[in-house]
Protein backbone atom coordinates (compact mmCIF):
# COMPACT_ATOMS: atom_id res chain seq x y z
CA UNK A 1 97.42 10.85 35.85
CA UNK A 2 97.39 7.88 33.49
CA UNK A 3 99.45 9.92 31.02
CA UNK A 4 102.14 10.54 33.65
CA UNK A 5 102.29 6.87 34.58
CA UNK A 6 102.65 5.86 30.93
CA UNK A 7 105.35 8.49 30.43
CA UNK A 8 107.35 7.20 33.40
CA UNK A 9 106.89 3.60 32.23
CA UNK A 10 108.10 4.57 28.75
CA UNK A 11 111.22 6.23 30.14
CA UNK A 12 111.93 3.22 32.32
CA UNK A 13 111.74 0.85 29.36
CA UNK A 14 113.90 3.17 27.24
CA UNK A 15 116.58 3.37 29.96
CA UNK A 16 116.84 -0.41 30.33
CA UNK A 17 116.95 -1.15 26.58
CA UNK A 18 120.78 -0.75 26.26
CA UNK A 19 121.14 -3.48 28.88
CA UNK A 20 119.65 -5.96 26.44
CA UNK A 21 122.16 -5.20 23.68
CA UNK A 22 124.13 -8.13 22.28
CA UNK A 23 127.61 -8.75 23.63
CA UNK A 24 130.29 -10.47 21.56
CA UNK A 25 133.04 -12.61 23.08
CA UNK A 26 136.33 -13.99 21.81
CA UNK A 27 136.38 -17.66 22.84
CA UNK A 28 139.40 -19.96 22.72
CA UNK A 29 138.51 -23.50 21.74
CA UNK A 30 140.42 -26.61 20.73
CA UNK A 31 140.62 -25.44 17.11
CA UNK A 32 141.67 -21.87 17.90
CA UNK A 33 139.75 -18.71 18.67
CA UNK A 34 136.36 -17.64 17.39
CA UNK A 35 133.83 -14.85 17.97
CA UNK A 36 130.38 -15.64 19.32
CA UNK A 37 127.46 -13.83 20.93
CA UNK A 38 126.58 -16.72 23.23
CA UNK A 39 128.97 -17.87 25.90
CA UNK A 40 128.61 -21.40 27.26
CA UNK A 41 129.67 -22.44 30.75
CA UNK A 42 132.59 -24.60 29.56
CA UNK A 43 134.12 -22.00 27.25
CA UNK A 44 136.83 -19.57 28.29
CA UNK A 45 136.59 -15.99 27.07
CA UNK A 46 140.07 -14.61 26.42
CA UNK A 47 138.99 -10.96 26.55
CA UNK A 48 136.24 -8.62 27.65
CA UNK A 49 132.82 -8.42 26.00
CA UNK A 50 132.55 -6.28 22.86
CA UNK A 51 129.61 -4.27 21.53
CA UNK A 52 129.86 -5.49 17.92
CA UNK A 53 131.02 -8.56 16.04
CA UNK A 54 133.38 -6.47 13.91
CA UNK A 55 135.06 -5.02 17.00
CA UNK A 56 135.51 -8.48 18.54
CA UNK A 57 136.93 -9.89 15.28
CA UNK A 58 139.41 -7.02 15.00
CA UNK A 59 140.53 -7.43 18.61
CA UNK A 60 140.85 -11.21 18.16
CA UNK A 61 143.66 -10.55 15.67
CA UNK A 62 145.62 -8.69 18.36
CA UNK A 63 145.21 -11.27 21.15
CA UNK A 64 148.40 -13.28 21.60
CA UNK A 65 146.55 -16.39 22.81
CA UNK A 66 144.67 -16.52 19.49
CA UNK A 67 147.78 -16.25 17.32
CA UNK A 68 148.38 -19.44 15.29
CA UNK A 69 152.00 -19.52 16.42
CA UNK A 70 150.79 -19.81 20.01
CA UNK A 71 148.14 -22.44 19.27
CA UNK A 72 150.04 -24.65 16.81
CA UNK A 73 151.22 -27.60 18.90
CA UNK A 74 153.57 -28.91 16.19
CA UNK A 75 155.47 -25.95 14.69
CA UNK A 76 157.56 -28.34 12.54
CA UNK A 77 154.47 -29.48 10.68
CA UNK A 78 154.55 -28.26 7.08
CA UNK A 79 150.99 -27.22 6.26
CA UNK A 80 151.76 -26.17 2.69
CA UNK A 81 152.87 -29.59 1.43
CA UNK A 82 150.33 -31.61 3.40
CA UNK A 83 152.98 -33.61 5.28
């Protein structure tokens, strides 16, 4: 009987383990977008949660809101010459 209870408890723990997996978010901040595994209340996620950091980083490149052209408030600013 104890063996059966332990077996059921083991299966229950194994089934809930994927629920504890890390989620990665693309967050848009004042300085642009970044990838993080912790989402604060004041931060806005610009996409869904991703299973890996590499997947979130790759998707961040395709998000229009994270493109530098969309986040640069002064497009006339010449970054190469430092002016």
